[in-house]
Amino acid sequence: MSNLDDEIRSALQADQDKLLKDDDDLEAYFESLKYMFRGQTRWFTWLHVLAMVVLISLTVTSAIQFFRAEDTRSMIAWATGFAVCIILEGIVELYFMLLIDKHSLRWEIKQLQLQIAAGKQPEVTQ
């Protein structure tokens, strides 16, 4: 039975190592997110946070009012408001994620330029 336990532990260790490797990507994402609050796009990041708070509160309000509505016309109006808020929320979040990716890409290009300027062979990361 202990042989089976050792096999299970070794298999779980391989999975855990893979998860820890993926954790580096998560740290890089959080570094990019922190930069967004400090960099040149600071104003847009705060605008994004404000827009998300407003849109989420409007979404919750629309959902509550939808279930409180008495007639069909008001139910359709609140459902439309809910759908529009969800769509706008998705668009704002997508645009913000594109800005984070743009920052990450610029950072990697600058690192490659520095390596080439220093005469080093650029490191390939995957």
N, C-alpha and C. Protein backbone atom coordinates (compact mmCIF):
# COMPACT_ATOMS: atom_id res chain seq x y z
N MET A 1 0.81 -1.20 0.00
CA MET A 1 0.00 0.00 0.00
C MET A 1 0.86 1.26 0.00
N SER A 2 2.03 1.21 0.65
CA SER A 2 2.88 2.40 0.70
C SER A 2 3.46 2.72 -0.68
N ASN A 3 3.65 1.70 -1.52
CA ASN A 3 4.13 1.93 -2.87
C ASN A 3 3.11 2.77 -3.66
N LEU A 4 1.84 2.45 -3.48
CA LEU A 4 0.78 3.22 -4.14
C LEU A 4 0.75 4.65 -3.61
N ASP A 5 0.93 4.81 -2.30
CA ASP A 5 0.97 6.15 -1.72
C ASP A 5 2.12 6.97 -2.30
N ASP A 6 3.28 6.34 -2.47
CA ASP A 6 4.43 7.05 -3.04
C ASP A 6 4.17 7.47 -4.48
N GLU A 7 3.51 6.62 -5.24
CA GLU A 7 3.17 6.95 -6.63
C GLU A 7 2.20 8.12 -6.69
N ILE A 8 1.22 8.08 -5.79
CA ILE A 8 0.24 9.18 -5.75
C ILE A 8 0.93 10.48 -5.37
N ARG A 9 1.80 10.44 -4.37
CA ARG A 9 2.52 11.65 -3.95
C ARG A 9 3.39 12.20 -5.07
N SER A 10 4.07 11.31 -5.80
CA SER A 10 4.93 11.79 -6.89
C SER A 10 4.10 12.41 -8.01
N ALA A 11 2.94 11.82 -8.30
CA ALA A 11 2.06 12.39 -9.34
C ALA A 11 1.52 13.75 -8.89
N LEU A 12 1.14 13.86 -7.62
CA LEU A 12 0.64 15.14 -7.11
C LEU A 12 1.75 16.18 -7.07
N GLN A 13 2.97 15.76 -6.79
CA GLN A 13 4.09 16.70 -6.76
C GLN A 13 4.33 17.30 -8.14
N ALA A 14 4.20 16.49 -9.19
CA ALA A 14 4.37 17.00 -10.55
C ALA A 14 3.29 18.03 -10.87
N ASP A 15 2.05 17.75 -10.46
CA ASP A 15 0.97 18.70 -10.69
C ASP A 15 1.19 19.99 -9.90
N GLN A 16 1.69 19.84 -8.67
CA GLN A 16 1.92 21.02 -7.85
C GLN A 16 3.04 21.87 -8.42
N ASP A 17 4.09 21.24 -8.96
CA ASP A 17 5.17 21.99 -9.59
C ASP A 17 4.66 22.77 -10.79
N LYS A 18 3.75 22.17 -11.55
CA LYS A 18 3.17 22.85 -12.71
C LYS A 18 2.35 24.06 -12.27
N LEU A 19 1.58 23.90 -11.18
CA LEU A 19 0.79 25.02 -10.68
C LEU A 19 1.67 26.15 -10.17
N LEU A 20 2.77 25.80 -9.51
CA LEU A 20 3.67 26.84 -9.03
C LEU A 20 4.34 27.56 -10.19
N LYS A 21 4.61 26.86 -11.29
CA LYS A 21 5.18 27.49 -12.47
C LYS A 21 4.18 28.49 -13.05
N ASP A 22 2.91 28.11 -13.07
CA ASP A 22 1.88 29.01 -13.57
C ASP A 22 1.71 30.22 -12.66
N ASP A 23 2.10 30.09 -11.40
CA ASP A 23 1.98 31.18 -10.44
C ASP A 23 2.87 32.37 -10.84
N ASP A 24 3.98 32.10 -11.53
CA ASP A 24 4.85 33.19 -11.99
C ASP A 24 4.11 34.09 -12.97
N ASP A 25 3.29 33.49 -13.83
CA ASP A 25 2.50 34.29 -14.76
C ASP A 25 1.51 35.17 -14.00
N LEU A 26 0.96 34.65 -12.91
CA LEU A 26 0.01 35.41 -12.10
C LEU A 26 0.71 36.58 -11.44
N GLU A 27 1.94 36.38 -10.97
CA GLU A 27 2.69 37.47 -10.37
C GLU A 27 3.00 38.55 -11.40
N ALA A 28 3.32 38.16 -12.62
CA ALA A 28 3.58 39.14 -13.67
C ALA A 28 2.32 39.95 -13.97
N TYR A 29 1.16 39.29 -13.93
CA TYR A 29 -0.09 40.01 -14.15
C TYR A 29 -0.32 41.03 -13.05
N PHE A 30 -0.08 40.65 -11.79
CA PHE A 30 -0.28 41.58 -10.69
C PHE A 30 0.71 42.74 -10.75
N GLU A 31 1.93 42.48 -11.21
CA GLU A 31 2.90 43.56 -11.40
C GLU A 31 2.39 44.55 -12.46
N SER A 32 1.84 44.03 -13.55
CA SER A 32 1.28 44.90 -14.59
C SER A 32 0.10 45.69 -14.05
N LEU A 33 -0.71 45.04 -13.23
CA LEU A 33 -1.86 45.73 -12.66
C LEU A 33 -1.41 46.83 -11.71
N LYS A 34 -0.38 46.57 -10.91
CA LYS A 34 0.14 47.61 -10.02
C LYS A 34 0.70 48.77 -10.81
N TYR A 35 1.37 48.46 -11.94
CA TYR A 35 1.90 49.53 -12.78
C TYR A 35 0.79 50.42 -13.32
N MET A 36 -0.35 49.82 -13.64
CA MET A 36 -1.45 50.60 -14.20
C MET A 36 -1.93 51.66 -13.21
N PHE A 37 -1.76 51.42 -11.91
CA PHE A 37 -2.16 52.41 -10.91
C PHE A 37 -1.06 53.43 -10.64
N ARG A 38 0.17 53.19 -11.15
CA ARG A 38 1.28 54.11 -10.91
C ARG A 38 1.76 54.79 -12.18
N GLY A 39 1.53 54.21 -13.33
CA GLY A 39 2.13 54.68 -14.57
C GLY A 39 1.38 55.84 -15.19
N GLN A 40 1.64 56.01 -16.49
CA GLN A 40 1.03 57.11 -17.22
C GLN A 40 -0.47 56.93 -17.39
N THR A 41 -0.94 55.70 -17.27
CA THR A 41 -2.37 55.43 -17.46
C THR A 41 -3.13 55.43 -16.13
N ARG A 42 -2.55 56.05 -15.12
CA ARG A 42 -3.18 56.09 -13.79
C ARG A 42 -4.59 56.68 -13.85
N TRP A 43 -4.75 57.75 -14.60
CA TRP A 43 -6.06 58.40 -14.68
C TRP A 43 -7.09 57.47 -15.30
N PHE A 44 -6.67 56.72 -16.32
CA PHE A 44 -7.61 55.81 -16.97
C PHE A 44 -7.96 54.64 -16.05
N THR A 45 -7.01 54.20 -15.27
CA THR A 45 -7.27 53.09 -14.35
C THR A 45 -8.30 53.50 -13.30
N TRP A 46 -8.15 54.70 -12.77
CA TRP A 46 -9.15 55.17 -11.79
C TRP A 46 -10.50 55.40 -12.44
N LEU A 47 -10.50 55.86 -13.68
CA LEU A 47 -11.75 56.00 -14.42
C LEU A 47 -12.40 54.63 -14.63
N HIS A 48 -11.58 53.62 -14.92
CA HIS A 48 -12.07 52.25 -15.08
C HIS A 48 -12.70 51.75 -13.79
N VAL A 49 -12.03 51.99 -12.66
CA VAL A 49 -12.57 51.54 -11.37
C VAL A 49 -13.90 52.24 -11.09
N LEU A 50 -13.96 53.53 -11.34
CA LEU A 50 -15.21 54.28 -11.12
C LEU A 50 -16.32 53.76 -12.03
N ALA A 51 -16.00 53.53 -13.29
CA ALA A 51 -17.01 53.02 -14.23
C ALA A 51 -17.51 51.64 -13.81
N MET A 52 -16.61 50.79 -13.34
CA MET A 52 -17.03 49.45 -12.91
C MET A 52 -17.94 49.52 -11.69
N VAL A 53 -17.63 50.41 -10.75
CA VAL A 53 -18.49 50.55 -9.57
C VAL A 53 -19.87 51.04 -9.97
N VAL A 54 -19.91 52.03 -10.85
CA VAL A 54 -21.20 52.56 -11.30
C VAL A 54 -22.00 51.51 -12.07
N LEU A 55 -21.32 50.81 -12.99
CA LEU A 55 -22.04 49.82 -13.81
C LEU A 55 -22.50 48.63 -12.98
N ILE A 56 -21.70 48.19 -12.03
CA ILE A 56 -22.13 47.07 -11.19
C ILE A 56 -23.31 47.48 -10.32
N SER A 57 -23.27 48.70 -9.78
CA SER A 57 -24.41 49.14 -8.96
C SER A 57 -25.67 49.30 -9.81
N LEU A 58 -25.52 49.78 -11.04
CA LEU A 58 -26.69 49.88 -11.93
C LEU A 58 -27.21 48.50 -12.31
N THR A 59 -26.31 47.54 -12.49
CA THR A 59 -26.71 46.18 -12.82
C THR A 59 -27.51 45.56 -11.69
N VAL A 60 -27.01 45.72 -10.46
CA VAL A 60 -27.72 45.17 -9.30
C VAL A 60 -29.06 45.86 -9.11
N THR A 61 -29.08 47.17 -9.28
CA THR A 61 -30.35 47.91 -9.15
C THR A 61 -31.35 47.46 -10.21
N SER A 62 -30.89 47.27 -11.44
CA SER A 62 -31.79 46.82 -12.50
C SER A 62 -32.34 45.43 -12.21
N ALA A 63 -31.51 44.55 -11.69
CA ALA A 63 -31.97 43.20 -11.37
C ALA A 63 -33.01 43.23 -10.25
N ILE A 64 -32.76 44.02 -9.23
CA ILE A 64 -33.72 44.11 -8.12
C ILE A 64 -35.04 44.71 -8.59
N GLN A 65 -34.96 45.79 -9.36
CA GLN A 65 -36.18 46.43 -9.85
C GLN A 65 -36.94 45.55 -10.84
N PHE A 66 -36.22 44.71 -11.58
CA PHE A 66 -36.88 43.79 -12.49
C PHE A 66 -37.80 42.85 -11.73
N PHE A 67 -37.33 42.32 -10.61
CA PHE A 67 -38.15 41.38 -9.85
C PHE A 67 -39.24 42.07 -9.03
N ARG A 68 -39.11 43.37 -8.82
CA ARG A 68 -40.14 44.12 -8.11
C ARG A 68 -41.20 44.71 -9.05
N ALA A 69 -40.94 44.68 -10.34
CA ALA A 69 -41.85 45.31 -11.32
C ALA A 69 -43.19 44.58 -11.36
N GLU A 70 -44.24 45.36 -11.54
CA GLU A 70 -45.60 44.82 -11.57
C GLU A 70 -46.08 44.52 -12.99
N ASP A 71 -45.77 45.40 -13.92
CA ASP A 71 -46.29 45.20 -15.28
C ASP A 71 -45.15 44.79 -16.23
N THR A 72 -45.57 44.31 -17.38
CA THR A 72 -44.62 43.77 -18.36
C THR A 72 -43.72 44.84 -18.95
N ARG A 73 -44.28 46.02 -19.18
CA ARG A 73 -43.50 47.09 -19.79
C ARG A 73 -42.30 47.50 -18.91
N SER A 74 -42.53 47.62 -17.62
CA SER A 74 -41.42 47.99 -16.75
C SER A 74 -40.43 46.84 -16.59
N MET A 75 -40.93 45.60 -16.65
CA MET A 75 -40.01 44.46 -16.60
C MET A 75 -39.07 44.45 -17.81
N ILE A 76 -39.62 44.76 -18.98
CA ILE A 76 -38.81 44.82 -20.19
C ILE A 76 -37.79 45.96 -20.09
N ALA A 77 -38.20 47.09 -19.54
CA ALA A 77 -37.29 48.23 -19.40
C ALA A 77 -36.14 47.89 -18.45
N TRP A 78 -36.44 47.28 -17.30
CA TRP A 78 -35.38 46.93 -16.36
C TRP A 78 -34.49 45.82 -16.90
N ALA A 79 -35.05 44.89 -17.64
CA ALA A 79 -34.23 43.83 -18.24
C ALA A 79 -33.31 44.42 -19.31
N THR A 80 -33.80 45.38 -20.06
CA THR A 80 -32.96 46.04 -21.05
C THR A 80 -31.83 46.82 -20.37
N GLY A 81 -32.16 47.51 -19.30
CA GLY A 81 -31.13 48.22 -18.54
C GLY A 81 -30.08 47.27 -18.00
N PHE A 82 -30.50 46.12 -17.51
CA PHE A 82 -29.58 45.11 -17.00
C PHE A 82 -28.65 44.63 -18.11
N ALA A 83 -29.21 44.32 -19.27
CA ALA A 83 -28.42 43.82 -20.39
C ALA A 83 -27.43 44.87 -20.88
N VAL A 84 -27.86 46.11 -20.97
CA VAL A 84 -26.97 47.18 -21.43
C VAL A 84 -25.82 47.37 -20.44
N CYS A 85 -26.11 47.33 -19.15
CA CYS A 85 -25.05 47.49 -18.14
C CYS A 85 -24.04 46.34 -18.21
N ILE A 86 -24.52 45.12 -18.40
CA ILE A 86 -23.61 43.98 -18.51
C ILE A 86 -22.73 44.11 -19.75
N ILE A 87 -23.31 44.52 -20.86
CA ILE A 87 -22.53 44.68 -22.10
C ILE A 87 -21.50 45.79 -21.94
N LEU A 88 -21.88 46.93 -21.37
CA LEU A 88 -20.94 48.02 -21.16
C LEU A 88 -19.83 47.62 -20.20
N GLU A 89 -20.18 46.87 -19.18
CA GLU A 89 -19.19 46.39 -18.22
C GLU A 89 -18.16 45.49 -18.91
N GLY A 90 -18.62 44.63 -19.78
CA GLY A 90 -17.72 43.76 -20.52
C GLY A 90 -16.80 44.55 -21.45
N ILE A 91 -17.34 45.56 -22.10
CA ILE A 91 -16.53 46.38 -23.01
C ILE A 91 -15.45 47.14 -22.25
N VAL A 92 -15.82 47.73 -21.12
CA VAL A 92 -14.86 48.49 -20.32
C VAL A 92 -13.76 47.56 -19.80
N GLU A 93 -14.14 46.38 -19.33
CA GLU A 93 -13.16 45.43 -18.80
C GLU A 93 -12.24 44.91 -19.92
N LEU A 94 -12.79 44.65 -21.07
CA LEU A 94 -11.99 44.19 -22.21
C LEU A 94 -10.97 45.24 -22.62
N TYR A 95 -11.38 46.48 -22.68
CA TYR A 95 -10.46 47.55 -23.06
C TYR A 95 -9.35 47.70 -22.02
N PHE A 96 -9.69 47.57 -20.75
CA PHE A 96 -8.69 47.66 -19.70
C PHE A 96 -7.68 46.51 -19.79
N MET A 97 -8.17 45.31 -20.08
CA MET A 97 -7.27 44.17 -20.24
C MET A 97 -6.34 44.37 -21.45
N LEU A 98 -6.85 44.98 -22.50
CA LEU A 98 -6.00 45.27 -23.66
C LEU A 98 -4.89 46.25 -23.29
N LEU A 99 -5.20 47.22 -22.44
CA LEU A 99 -4.16 48.16 -22.00
C LEU A 99 -3.10 47.45 -21.16
N ILE A 100 -3.52 46.53 -20.31
CA ILE A 100 -2.55 45.77 -19.50
C ILE A 100 -1.65 44.94 -20.41
N ASP A 101 -2.24 44.29 -21.41
CA ASP A 101 -1.44 43.50 -22.34
C ASP A 101 -0.47 44.38 -23.13
N LYS A 102 -0.92 45.57 -23.50
CA LYS A 102 -0.06 46.49 -24.23
C LYS A 102 1.14 46.89 -23.37
N HIS A 103 0.89 47.12 -22.09
CA HIS A 103 1.99 47.46 -21.18
C HIS A 103 2.97 46.30 -21.06
N SER A 104 2.47 45.08 -20.92
CA SER A 104 3.34 43.91 -20.81
C SER A 104 4.18 43.73 -22.06
N LEU A 105 3.57 43.92 -23.21
CA LEU A 105 4.29 43.78 -24.47
C LEU A 105 5.39 44.83 -24.61
N ARG A 106 5.07 46.08 -24.26
CA ARG A 106 6.08 47.13 -24.30
C ARG A 106 7.25 46.82 -23.38
N TRP A 107 6.95 46.31 -22.18
CA TRP A 107 7.99 45.99 -21.22
C TRP A 107 8.91 44.90 -21.77
N GLU A 108 8.33 43.87 -22.37
CA GLU A 108 9.15 42.79 -22.93
C GLU A 108 10.00 43.28 -24.10
N ILE A 109 9.45 44.16 -24.93
CA ILE A 109 10.22 44.70 -26.06
C ILE A 109 11.39 45.53 -25.54
N LYS A 110 11.15 46.33 -24.50
CA LYS A 110 12.25 47.12 -23.92
C LYS A 110 13.32 46.22 -23.34
N GLN A 111 12.93 45.11 -22.72
CA GLN A 111 13.92 44.18 -22.18
C GLN A 111 14.77 43.58 -23.30
N LEU A 112 14.13 43.22 -24.41
CA LEU A 112 14.87 42.69 -25.55
C LEU A 112 15.82 43.75 -26.13
N GLN A 113 15.38 44.99 -26.21
CA GLN A 113 16.24 46.06 -26.72
C GLN A 113 17.45 46.25 -25.82
N LEU A 114 17.26 46.17 -24.51
CA LEU A 114 18.38 46.30 -23.58
C LEU A 114 19.36 45.15 -23.73
N GLN A 115 18.83 43.93 -23.92
CA GLN A 115 19.71 42.78 -24.09
C GLN A 115 20.52 42.89 -25.38
N ILE A 116 19.88 43.35 -26.44
CA ILE A 116 20.58 43.50 -27.72
C ILE A 116 21.61 44.62 -27.62
N ALA A 117 21.26 45.73 -26.97
CA ALA A 117 22.21 46.83 -26.81
C ALA A 117 23.41 46.43 -25.97
N ALA A 118 23.21 45.54 -25.01
CA ALA A 118 24.31 45.08 -24.16
C ALA A 118 25.15 44.02 -24.85
N GLY A 119 24.72 43.56 -26.01
CA GLY A 119 25.46 42.56 -26.76
C GLY A 119 25.20 41.15 -26.32
N LYS A 120 24.15 40.94 -25.55
CA LYS A 120 23.80 39.60 -25.10
C LYS A 120 22.87 38.94 -26.11
N GLN A 121 22.84 37.63 -26.05
CA GLN A 121 21.89 36.87 -26.85
C GLN A 121 20.53 36.98 -26.15
N PRO A 122 19.47 37.45 -26.83
CA PRO A 122 18.16 37.58 -26.19
C PRO A 122 17.66 36.23 -25.68
N GLU A 123 17.11 36.27 -24.47
CA GLU A 123 16.54 35.05 -23.89
C GLU A 123 15.14 34.85 -24.43
N VAL A 124 14.85 33.63 -24.80
CA VAL A 124 13.53 33.29 -25.32
C VAL A 124 12.73 32.68 -24.17
N THR A 125 11.60 33.29 -23.84
CA THR A 125 10.74 32.76 -22.79
C THR A 125 9.43 32.33 -23.41
N GLN A 126 8.89 31.29 -22.85
CA GLN A 126 7.60 30.80 -23.36
C GLN A 126 6.62 30.67 -22.25
